[in-house]
């Protein structure tokens, strides 16, 4: 359960964190401002609110990876690049295929079988079209995250692959997003 009031986000959590630790909340890397009684509090800056959607009653939480911990997925920073809109959610096998519409400023960084983070959940791009991308969600992801409750029209925080952004910036002759 989460509450957001006056720039202070408070989330019930079993994560053991201390003041100053980083925790991703729906994919947004935030610094713990207070930790007590099974709750974590974060101060949310205007910059964060300009790039991310507002937090709902249920959120995905992910503590920061510590040096030496195994990396079991994609490289994720918790730096939200923008917000997408769920186009459709359809059953597929034992899971669901979710299409998300995004603007060209984010779509440029996506490739089929590349990485995308939706609400802080690291996923693989299953398909692309001119307006967005699809992800295939397995039962575990649907049950263990808030993605199981997605519906058409929902807004979602997105983080694209940081490597694609570096390639664009470093290779001469490529159009830049700046």
N, C-alpha and C. Protein backbone atom coordinates (compact mmCIF):
# COMPACT_ATOMS: atom_id res chain seq x y z
N UNK A 1 0.85 -1.18 0.00
CA UNK A 1 0.00 0.00 0.00
C UNK A 1 0.89 1.24 0.00
N UNK A 2 0.51 2.21 -0.78
CA UNK A 2 1.29 3.44 -0.88
C UNK A 2 0.37 4.65 -0.71
N UNK A 3 0.94 5.73 -0.16
CA UNK A 3 0.23 7.01 -0.09
C UNK A 3 1.20 8.10 -0.53
N UNK A 4 0.63 9.13 -1.15
CA UNK A 4 1.45 10.22 -1.67
C UNK A 4 0.79 11.53 -1.29
N UNK A 5 1.54 12.35 -0.53
CA UNK A 5 0.97 13.60 -0.06
C UNK A 5 2.07 14.65 0.06
N UNK A 6 1.92 15.75 -0.66
CA UNK A 6 2.84 16.88 -0.53
C UNK A 6 4.29 16.56 -0.85
N UNK A 7 4.51 15.69 -1.80
CA UNK A 7 5.88 15.34 -2.17
C UNK A 7 6.47 14.20 -1.37
N UNK A 8 5.75 13.68 -0.38
CA UNK A 8 6.24 12.57 0.44
C UNK A 8 5.46 11.31 0.07
N UNK A 9 6.19 10.32 -0.42
CA UNK A 9 5.61 9.02 -0.74
C UNK A 9 5.92 8.07 0.40
N UNK A 10 4.91 7.39 0.92
CA UNK A 10 5.10 6.40 1.98
C UNK A 10 4.57 5.07 1.46
N UNK A 11 5.41 4.04 1.58
CA UNK A 11 5.08 2.71 1.06
C UNK A 11 5.26 1.67 2.15
N UNK A 12 4.26 0.82 2.35
CA UNK A 12 4.43 -0.33 3.23
C UNK A 12 5.37 -1.30 2.53
N UNK A 13 6.34 -1.83 3.28
CA UNK A 13 7.34 -2.68 2.64
C UNK A 13 8.01 -3.61 3.64
N UNK A 14 8.36 -4.80 3.14
CA UNK A 14 9.16 -5.73 3.93
C UNK A 14 10.65 -5.60 3.57
N UNK A 15 10.97 -4.70 2.67
CA UNK A 15 12.36 -4.47 2.29
C UNK A 15 13.09 -3.86 3.48
N UNK A 16 14.23 -4.44 3.81
CA UNK A 16 15.05 -3.88 4.89
C UNK A 16 15.95 -2.81 4.28
N UNK A 17 15.60 -1.58 4.54
CA UNK A 17 16.35 -0.45 3.99
C UNK A 17 16.61 0.55 5.09
N UNK A 18 17.67 1.32 4.88
CA UNK A 18 18.02 2.37 5.82
C UNK A 18 17.94 3.72 5.11
N UNK A 19 17.87 4.77 5.91
CA UNK A 19 17.87 6.12 5.35
C UNK A 19 19.10 6.27 4.46
N UNK A 20 18.87 6.77 3.24
CA UNK A 20 19.94 6.96 2.26
C UNK A 20 20.02 5.85 1.23
N UNK A 21 19.39 4.71 1.49
CA UNK A 21 19.39 3.62 0.51
C UNK A 21 18.52 3.99 -0.69
N UNK A 22 18.85 3.41 -1.84
CA UNK A 22 18.06 3.58 -3.05
C UNK A 22 17.09 2.41 -3.20
N UNK A 23 15.85 2.73 -3.53
CA UNK A 23 14.81 1.73 -3.81
C UNK A 23 14.04 2.21 -5.02
N UNK A 24 13.83 1.33 -5.99
CA UNK A 24 13.01 1.69 -7.15
C UNK A 24 11.54 1.46 -6.80
N UNK A 25 10.73 2.48 -7.05
CA UNK A 25 9.29 2.42 -6.81
C UNK A 25 8.62 2.61 -8.17
N UNK A 26 7.98 1.56 -8.68
CA UNK A 26 7.41 1.57 -10.03
C UNK A 26 8.45 2.02 -11.06
N UNK A 27 9.69 1.63 -10.82
CA UNK A 27 10.76 1.93 -11.76
C UNK A 27 11.48 3.24 -11.52
N UNK A 28 11.04 4.00 -10.52
CA UNK A 28 11.65 5.30 -10.21
C UNK A 28 12.60 5.11 -9.04
N UNK A 29 13.89 5.37 -9.27
CA UNK A 29 14.88 5.25 -8.21
C UNK A 29 14.70 6.40 -7.23
N UNK A 30 14.39 6.06 -5.98
CA UNK A 30 14.18 7.06 -4.94
C UNK A 30 15.08 6.75 -3.75
N UNK A 31 15.36 7.78 -2.97
CA UNK A 31 16.21 7.63 -1.78
C UNK A 31 15.33 7.55 -0.55
N UNK A 32 15.59 6.56 0.29
CA UNK A 32 14.83 6.39 1.52
C UNK A 32 15.11 7.58 2.44
N UNK A 33 14.05 8.30 2.81
CA UNK A 33 14.16 9.45 3.72
C UNK A 33 13.84 9.05 5.15
N UNK A 34 13.05 7.98 5.28
CA UNK A 34 12.65 7.49 6.60
C UNK A 34 12.28 6.02 6.46
N UNK A 35 12.68 5.21 7.45
CA UNK A 35 12.35 3.78 7.44
C UNK A 35 11.99 3.35 8.86
N UNK A 36 10.71 2.95 9.03
CA UNK A 36 10.31 2.47 10.35
C UNK A 36 8.95 1.80 10.29
N UNK A 37 8.74 0.88 11.21
CA UNK A 37 7.46 0.20 11.36
C UNK A 37 6.93 -0.40 10.06
N UNK A 38 7.80 -1.01 9.25
CA UNK A 38 7.36 -1.65 8.02
C UNK A 38 6.98 -0.70 6.92
N UNK A 39 7.46 0.54 7.00
CA UNK A 39 7.15 1.52 5.97
C UNK A 39 8.42 2.26 5.56
N UNK A 40 8.47 2.62 4.29
CA UNK A 40 9.56 3.43 3.76
C UNK A 40 8.97 4.73 3.25
N UNK A 41 9.65 5.85 3.54
CA UNK A 41 9.20 7.15 3.06
C UNK A 41 10.26 7.73 2.14
N UNK A 42 9.79 8.40 1.09
CA UNK A 42 10.65 9.01 0.07
C UNK A 42 10.17 10.42 -0.21
N UNK A 43 11.10 11.33 -0.45
CA UNK A 43 10.75 12.68 -0.90
C UNK A 43 10.88 12.69 -2.42
N UNK A 44 9.78 13.01 -3.10
CA UNK A 44 9.72 12.96 -4.56
C UNK A 44 9.88 14.36 -5.12
N UNK A 45 10.86 14.51 -6.01
CA UNK A 45 11.19 15.82 -6.57
C UNK A 45 10.32 16.14 -7.79
N UNK A 46 10.25 17.42 -8.14
CA UNK A 46 9.48 17.88 -9.29
C UNK A 46 10.00 17.21 -10.57
N UNK A 47 11.33 17.07 -10.70
CA UNK A 47 11.92 16.41 -11.87
C UNK A 47 11.35 15.01 -12.05
N UNK A 48 11.20 14.27 -10.97
CA UNK A 48 10.64 12.92 -11.04
C UNK A 48 9.21 12.96 -11.52
N UNK A 49 8.43 13.85 -10.98
CA UNK A 49 7.02 13.95 -11.36
C UNK A 49 6.84 14.42 -12.80
N UNK A 50 7.84 15.12 -13.36
CA UNK A 50 7.73 15.58 -14.74
C UNK A 50 7.99 14.45 -15.73
N UNK A 51 8.62 13.36 -15.29
CA UNK A 51 8.97 12.26 -16.18
C UNK A 51 8.17 10.99 -15.94
N UNK A 52 7.60 10.86 -14.76
CA UNK A 52 6.95 9.61 -14.37
C UNK A 52 5.47 9.85 -14.06
N UNK A 53 4.72 8.77 -14.07
CA UNK A 53 3.32 8.86 -13.68
C UNK A 53 3.23 8.90 -12.16
N UNK A 54 2.14 9.39 -11.64
CA UNK A 54 1.94 9.40 -10.20
C UNK A 54 1.83 7.97 -9.68
N UNK A 55 2.17 7.79 -8.44
CA UNK A 55 2.17 6.45 -7.84
C UNK A 55 0.76 6.05 -7.44
N UNK A 56 0.41 4.79 -7.68
CA UNK A 56 -0.89 4.26 -7.31
C UNK A 56 -0.86 3.64 -5.93
N UNK A 57 -1.97 3.04 -5.53
CA UNK A 57 -2.07 2.43 -4.21
C UNK A 57 -1.17 1.20 -4.10
N UNK A 58 -0.95 0.51 -5.21
CA UNK A 58 -0.06 -0.65 -5.25
C UNK A 58 1.13 -0.29 -6.13
N UNK A 59 2.34 -0.60 -5.67
CA UNK A 59 3.54 -0.27 -6.42
C UNK A 59 4.50 -1.46 -6.44
N UNK A 60 5.36 -1.50 -7.45
CA UNK A 60 6.45 -2.47 -7.50
C UNK A 60 7.65 -1.87 -6.79
N UNK A 61 8.28 -2.65 -5.92
CA UNK A 61 9.46 -2.20 -5.18
C UNK A 61 10.64 -3.09 -5.51
N UNK A 62 11.80 -2.47 -5.68
CA UNK A 62 13.02 -3.22 -5.98
C UNK A 62 14.18 -2.51 -5.30
N UNK A 63 14.86 -3.20 -4.36
CA UNK A 63 16.04 -2.58 -3.76
C UNK A 63 17.16 -2.49 -4.78
N UNK A 64 18.10 -1.58 -4.55
CA UNK A 64 19.23 -1.42 -5.46
C UNK A 64 20.11 -2.66 -5.42
N UNK A 65 20.67 -3.00 -6.56
CA UNK A 65 21.63 -4.09 -6.66
C UNK A 65 22.92 -3.65 -5.98
N UNK A 66 23.43 -4.50 -5.13
CA UNK A 66 24.68 -4.18 -4.44
C UNK A 66 25.85 -4.85 -5.15
N UNK A 67 27.01 -4.19 -5.10
CA UNK A 67 28.21 -4.75 -5.71
C UNK A 67 28.42 -6.17 -5.21
N UNK A 68 28.64 -7.08 -6.15
CA UNK A 68 28.85 -8.48 -5.81
C UNK A 68 27.59 -9.33 -5.88
N UNK A 69 26.41 -8.70 -5.91
CA UNK A 69 25.16 -9.45 -6.05
C UNK A 69 25.05 -9.99 -7.46
N UNK A 70 24.44 -11.17 -7.63
CA UNK A 70 24.25 -11.69 -8.99
C UNK A 70 23.25 -10.85 -9.77
N UNK A 71 23.52 -10.64 -11.05
CA UNK A 71 22.62 -9.90 -11.93
C UNK A 71 21.77 -10.93 -12.67
N UNK A 72 20.48 -11.00 -12.32
CA UNK A 72 19.63 -12.02 -12.89
C UNK A 72 18.71 -11.53 -13.99
N UNK A 73 18.98 -10.37 -14.54
CA UNK A 73 18.11 -9.82 -15.56
C UNK A 73 18.84 -8.79 -16.38
N UNK A 74 18.11 -7.80 -16.84
CA UNK A 74 18.68 -6.73 -17.63
C UNK A 74 19.29 -5.66 -16.73
N UNK A 75 20.16 -4.86 -17.31
CA UNK A 75 20.77 -3.75 -16.59
C UNK A 75 19.74 -2.62 -16.50
N UNK A 76 19.31 -2.30 -15.29
CA UNK A 76 18.26 -1.30 -15.06
C UNK A 76 18.78 -0.27 -14.07
N UNK A 77 18.55 1.01 -14.36
CA UNK A 77 19.04 2.07 -13.50
C UNK A 77 17.99 2.66 -12.56
N UNK A 78 16.72 2.55 -12.93
CA UNK A 78 15.68 3.22 -12.14
C UNK A 78 15.53 4.67 -12.54
N UNK A 79 15.94 5.00 -13.77
CA UNK A 79 15.81 6.36 -14.29
C UNK A 79 14.72 6.35 -15.36
N UNK A 80 13.53 6.70 -14.98
CA UNK A 80 12.38 6.66 -15.89
C UNK A 80 12.59 7.66 -17.02
N UNK A 81 12.41 7.15 -18.26
CA UNK A 81 12.57 8.00 -19.45
C UNK A 81 11.27 8.66 -19.86
N UNK A 82 10.16 8.05 -19.51
CA UNK A 82 8.87 8.60 -19.89
C UNK A 82 7.74 7.67 -19.52
N UNK A 83 6.56 8.03 -19.98
CA UNK A 83 5.34 7.30 -19.65
C UNK A 83 4.71 6.77 -20.94
N UNK A 84 4.26 5.53 -20.91
CA UNK A 84 3.53 4.94 -22.02
C UNK A 84 2.09 4.68 -21.61
N UNK A 85 1.27 4.32 -22.60
CA UNK A 85 -0.14 4.02 -22.37
C UNK A 85 -0.44 2.62 -22.86
N UNK A 86 -1.03 1.80 -21.99
CA UNK A 86 -1.39 0.44 -22.37
C UNK A 86 -2.45 0.49 -23.46
N UNK A 87 -2.13 -0.13 -24.61
CA UNK A 87 -3.05 -0.20 -25.75
C UNK A 87 -3.99 -1.39 -25.61
N UNK A 88 -3.41 -2.56 -25.27
CA UNK A 88 -4.22 -3.77 -25.17
C UNK A 88 -3.55 -4.78 -24.25
N UNK A 89 -4.37 -5.66 -23.69
CA UNK A 89 -3.90 -6.77 -22.86
C UNK A 89 -4.67 -7.99 -23.33
N UNK A 90 -3.96 -8.97 -23.87
CA UNK A 90 -4.60 -10.16 -24.43
C UNK A 90 -3.99 -11.43 -23.85
N UNK A 91 -4.82 -12.44 -23.60
CA UNK A 91 -4.26 -13.72 -23.16
C UNK A 91 -3.36 -14.30 -24.25
N UNK A 92 -2.27 -14.94 -23.83
CA UNK A 92 -1.36 -15.57 -24.78
C UNK A 92 -0.71 -16.77 -24.07
N UNK A 93 -1.05 -17.96 -24.51
CA UNK A 93 -0.54 -19.15 -23.81
C UNK A 93 -1.00 -19.11 -22.37
N UNK A 94 -0.07 -19.30 -21.44
CA UNK A 94 -0.40 -19.21 -20.02
C UNK A 94 -0.22 -17.82 -19.45
N UNK A 95 0.15 -16.85 -20.29
CA UNK A 95 0.40 -15.49 -19.83
C UNK A 95 -0.44 -14.46 -20.56
N UNK A 96 0.14 -13.29 -20.76
CA UNK A 96 -0.55 -12.21 -21.46
C UNK A 96 0.44 -11.46 -22.34
N UNK A 97 -0.06 -10.94 -23.46
CA UNK A 97 0.70 -10.04 -24.32
C UNK A 97 0.13 -8.64 -24.11
N UNK A 98 1.00 -7.71 -23.75
CA UNK A 98 0.59 -6.34 -23.47
C UNK A 98 1.25 -5.42 -24.49
N UNK A 99 0.43 -4.64 -25.20
CA UNK A 99 0.93 -3.62 -26.13
C UNK A 99 0.90 -2.28 -25.42
N UNK A 100 1.98 -1.52 -25.56
CA UNK A 100 2.10 -0.21 -24.92
C UNK A 100 2.48 0.82 -25.97
N UNK A 101 1.70 1.88 -26.06
CA UNK A 101 1.99 2.97 -27.00
C UNK A 101 2.96 3.95 -26.36
N UNK A 102 3.94 4.39 -27.16
CA UNK A 102 4.94 5.36 -26.71
C UNK A 102 5.21 6.34 -27.84
N UNK A 103 5.76 7.48 -27.50
CA UNK A 103 6.13 8.47 -28.51
C UNK A 103 7.42 8.08 -29.20
N UNK A 104 7.70 8.73 -30.32
CA UNK A 104 8.91 8.43 -31.09
C UNK A 104 10.19 8.70 -30.31
N UNK A 105 10.14 9.60 -29.31
CA UNK A 105 11.32 9.89 -28.50
C UNK A 105 11.78 8.69 -27.68
N UNK A 106 10.88 7.78 -27.34
CA UNK A 106 11.24 6.55 -26.64
C UNK A 106 11.33 5.35 -27.59
N UNK A 107 10.45 5.32 -28.56
CA UNK A 107 10.41 4.20 -29.51
C UNK A 107 11.75 4.04 -30.23
N UNK A 108 12.46 5.11 -30.44
CA UNK A 108 13.75 5.08 -31.15
C UNK A 108 14.77 4.19 -30.45
N UNK A 109 14.61 3.96 -29.14
CA UNK A 109 15.58 3.17 -28.38
C UNK A 109 15.18 1.70 -28.24
N UNK A 110 14.09 1.31 -28.84
CA UNK A 110 13.60 -0.05 -28.68
C UNK A 110 13.89 -0.90 -29.91
N UNK A 111 14.28 -2.14 -29.67
CA UNK A 111 14.47 -3.13 -30.72
C UNK A 111 13.84 -4.43 -30.26
N UNK A 112 13.37 -5.21 -31.22
CA UNK A 112 12.80 -6.51 -30.90
C UNK A 112 13.86 -7.35 -30.20
N UNK A 113 13.47 -7.97 -29.11
CA UNK A 113 14.31 -8.79 -28.23
C UNK A 113 15.27 -7.94 -27.40
N UNK A 114 15.11 -6.62 -27.42
CA UNK A 114 15.89 -5.73 -26.57
C UNK A 114 15.22 -5.58 -25.21
N UNK A 115 15.81 -4.78 -24.37
CA UNK A 115 15.32 -4.58 -23.00
C UNK A 115 14.41 -3.37 -22.90
N UNK A 116 13.41 -3.50 -22.02
CA UNK A 116 12.53 -2.39 -21.66
C UNK A 116 12.11 -2.63 -20.21
N UNK A 117 11.97 -1.55 -19.47
CA UNK A 117 11.48 -1.68 -18.10
C UNK A 117 10.11 -1.01 -18.03
N UNK A 118 9.13 -1.77 -17.56
CA UNK A 118 7.76 -1.28 -17.42
C UNK A 118 7.41 -1.33 -15.93
N UNK A 119 7.14 -0.17 -15.34
CA UNK A 119 6.82 -0.08 -13.91
C UNK A 119 7.93 -0.70 -13.06
N UNK A 120 9.17 -0.61 -13.54
CA UNK A 120 10.29 -1.14 -12.79
C UNK A 120 10.57 -2.61 -13.01
N UNK A 121 9.77 -3.24 -13.85
CA UNK A 121 9.94 -4.67 -14.14
C UNK A 121 10.71 -4.79 -15.45
N UNK A 122 11.87 -5.43 -15.39
CA UNK A 122 12.71 -5.60 -16.56
C UNK A 122 12.13 -6.68 -17.47
N UNK A 123 11.89 -6.32 -18.73
CA UNK A 123 11.23 -7.21 -19.68
C UNK A 123 11.95 -7.20 -21.02
N UNK A 124 11.55 -8.10 -21.90
CA UNK A 124 12.08 -8.17 -23.25
C UNK A 124 11.02 -7.69 -24.23
N UNK A 125 11.41 -6.85 -25.17
CA UNK A 125 10.50 -6.38 -26.20
C UNK A 125 10.17 -7.56 -27.11
N UNK A 126 8.89 -7.92 -27.18
CA UNK A 126 8.46 -9.06 -27.98
C UNK A 126 8.12 -8.67 -29.41
N UNK A 127 7.68 -7.43 -29.61
CA UNK A 127 7.27 -6.97 -30.94
C UNK A 127 7.25 -5.44 -30.94
N UNK A 128 7.33 -4.87 -32.13
CA UNK A 128 7.30 -3.42 -32.31
C UNK A 128 6.38 -3.07 -33.46
N UNK A 129 5.76 -1.91 -33.40
CA UNK A 129 5.09 -1.33 -34.56
C UNK A 129 5.34 0.17 -34.54
N UNK A 130 4.69 0.92 -35.39
CA UNK A 130 4.96 2.35 -35.52
C UNK A 130 4.54 3.16 -34.29
N UNK A 131 3.68 2.58 -33.45
CA UNK A 131 3.16 3.33 -32.31
C UNK A 131 3.63 2.84 -30.95
N UNK A 132 4.25 1.66 -30.91
CA UNK A 132 4.63 1.13 -29.61
C UNK A 132 5.28 -0.23 -29.68
N UNK A 133 5.16 -0.94 -28.58
CA UNK A 133 5.83 -2.23 -28.45
C UNK A 133 4.96 -3.19 -27.64
N UNK A 134 5.29 -4.47 -27.74
CA UNK A 134 4.59 -5.49 -26.97
C UNK A 134 5.59 -6.21 -26.07
N UNK A 135 5.10 -6.65 -24.91
CA UNK A 135 5.85 -7.53 -24.02
C UNK A 135 4.99 -8.75 -23.74
N UNK A 136 5.64 -9.89 -23.57
CA UNK A 136 4.95 -11.12 -23.21
C UNK A 136 5.19 -11.39 -21.73
N UNK A 137 4.13 -11.45 -20.96
CA UNK A 137 4.25 -11.60 -19.51
C UNK A 137 3.90 -13.03 -19.10
N UNK A 138 4.82 -13.67 -18.38
CA UNK A 138 4.60 -15.03 -17.88
C UNK A 138 3.80 -14.96 -16.59
N UNK A 139 3.26 -16.10 -16.16
CA UNK A 139 2.43 -16.14 -14.96
C UNK A 139 3.13 -15.58 -13.73
N UNK A 140 4.41 -15.91 -13.56
CA UNK A 140 5.12 -15.41 -12.38
C UNK A 140 5.12 -13.88 -12.34
N UNK A 141 5.41 -13.25 -13.45
CA UNK A 141 5.43 -11.78 -13.52
C UNK A 141 4.04 -11.22 -13.25
N UNK A 142 3.02 -11.84 -13.81
CA UNK A 142 1.65 -11.38 -13.59
C UNK A 142 1.25 -11.46 -12.13
N UNK A 143 1.72 -12.51 -11.43
CA UNK A 143 1.35 -12.72 -10.03
C UNK A 143 2.22 -11.91 -9.06
N UNK A 144 3.50 -11.71 -9.40
CA UNK A 144 4.44 -11.12 -8.45
C UNK A 144 4.60 -9.61 -8.58
N UNK A 145 3.99 -9.01 -9.61
CA UNK A 145 4.11 -7.57 -9.83
C UNK A 145 2.73 -6.96 -10.06
N UNK A 146 2.69 -5.66 -10.19
CA UNK A 146 1.42 -4.98 -10.48
C UNK A 146 1.02 -5.10 -11.94
N UNK A 147 1.89 -5.68 -12.78
CA UNK A 147 1.58 -5.78 -14.22
C UNK A 147 0.39 -6.69 -14.49
N UNK A 148 0.08 -7.60 -13.58
CA UNK A 148 -1.08 -8.47 -13.75
C UNK A 148 -2.40 -7.70 -13.75
N UNK A 149 -2.41 -6.50 -13.23
CA UNK A 149 -3.63 -5.69 -13.18
C UNK A 149 -3.74 -4.65 -14.27
N UNK A 150 -2.81 -4.66 -15.24
CA UNK A 150 -2.85 -3.66 -16.31
C UNK A 150 -4.09 -3.79 -17.18
N UNK A 151 -4.60 -2.64 -17.61
CA UNK A 151 -5.78 -2.60 -18.49
C UNK A 151 -5.55 -1.51 -19.53
N UNK A 152 -6.22 -1.61 -20.69
CA UNK A 152 -6.08 -0.57 -21.70
C UNK A 152 -6.34 0.82 -21.11
N UNK A 153 -5.49 1.76 -21.49
CA UNK A 153 -5.60 3.13 -21.01
C UNK A 153 -4.73 3.43 -19.81
N UNK A 154 -4.24 2.40 -19.12
CA UNK A 154 -3.37 2.62 -17.96
C UNK A 154 -2.06 3.28 -18.39
N UNK A 155 -1.55 4.15 -17.56
CA UNK A 155 -0.25 4.78 -17.77
C UNK A 155 0.80 3.94 -17.05
N UNK A 156 1.99 3.81 -17.69
CA UNK A 156 3.08 3.03 -17.10
C UNK A 156 4.40 3.77 -17.25
N UNK A 157 5.24 3.67 -16.23
CA UNK A 157 6.58 4.23 -16.28
C UNK A 157 7.47 3.33 -17.14
N UNK A 158 8.31 3.96 -17.96
CA UNK A 158 9.18 3.21 -18.87
C UNK A 158 10.62 3.67 -18.74
N UNK A 159 11.52 2.72 -18.76
CA UNK A 159 12.95 2.99 -18.85
C UNK A 159 13.49 2.20 -20.03
N UNK A 160 14.09 2.90 -20.98
CA UNK A 160 14.65 2.23 -22.15
C UNK A 160 16.08 1.80 -21.84
N UNK A 161 16.66 1.06 -22.76
CA UNK A 161 18.00 0.52 -22.59
C UNK A 161 19.03 1.65 -22.61
N UNK A 162 19.76 1.81 -21.53
CA UNK A 162 20.75 2.89 -21.43
C UNK A 162 21.85 2.73 -22.48
N UNK A 163 22.16 1.51 -22.88
CA UNK A 163 23.21 1.31 -23.89
C UNK A 163 22.82 1.95 -25.22
N UNK A 164 21.55 1.87 -25.58
CA UNK A 164 21.10 2.49 -26.83
C UNK A 164 21.28 4.01 -26.78
N UNK A 165 21.05 4.60 -25.63
CA UNK A 165 21.22 6.05 -25.49
C UNK A 165 22.69 6.45 -25.59
N UNK A 166 23.57 5.63 -25.03
CA UNK A 166 25.01 5.92 -25.15
C UNK A 166 25.48 5.77 -26.59
N UNK A 167 25.01 4.74 -27.27
CA UNK A 167 25.41 4.54 -28.67
C UNK A 167 24.99 5.75 -29.49
N UNK A 168 23.76 6.21 -29.31
CA UNK A 168 23.27 7.38 -30.05
C UNK A 168 24.14 8.60 -29.78
N UNK A 169 24.52 8.80 -28.56
CA UNK A 169 25.29 10.00 -28.19
C UNK A 169 26.73 9.92 -28.69
N UNK A 170 27.31 8.73 -28.71
CA UNK A 170 28.73 8.59 -29.02
C UNK A 170 29.05 8.41 -30.50
N UNK A 171 28.11 7.87 -31.26
CA UNK A 171 28.39 7.65 -32.68
C UNK A 171 28.09 8.90 -33.49
N UNK A 172 29.10 9.43 -34.20
CA UNK A 172 28.85 10.64 -35.00
C UNK A 172 27.91 10.33 -36.15
N UNK A 173 27.12 11.32 -36.49
CA UNK A 173 26.22 11.19 -37.64
C UNK A 173 24.84 10.67 -37.26
N UNK A 174 24.66 10.11 -36.07
CA UNK A 174 23.34 9.64 -35.67
C UNK A 174 22.54 10.85 -35.16
N UNK A 175 21.24 10.87 -35.44
CA UNK A 175 20.44 11.96 -34.88
C UNK A 175 20.41 11.86 -33.37
N UNK A 176 20.49 12.97 -32.69
CA UNK A 176 20.50 12.99 -31.24
C UNK A 176 19.14 13.43 -30.72
N UNK A 177 18.81 12.98 -29.53
CA UNK A 177 17.54 13.38 -28.92
C UNK A 177 17.67 14.74 -28.24
N UNK A 178 18.85 15.34 -28.25
CA UNK A 178 19.04 16.64 -27.58
C UNK A 178 18.62 17.78 -28.47
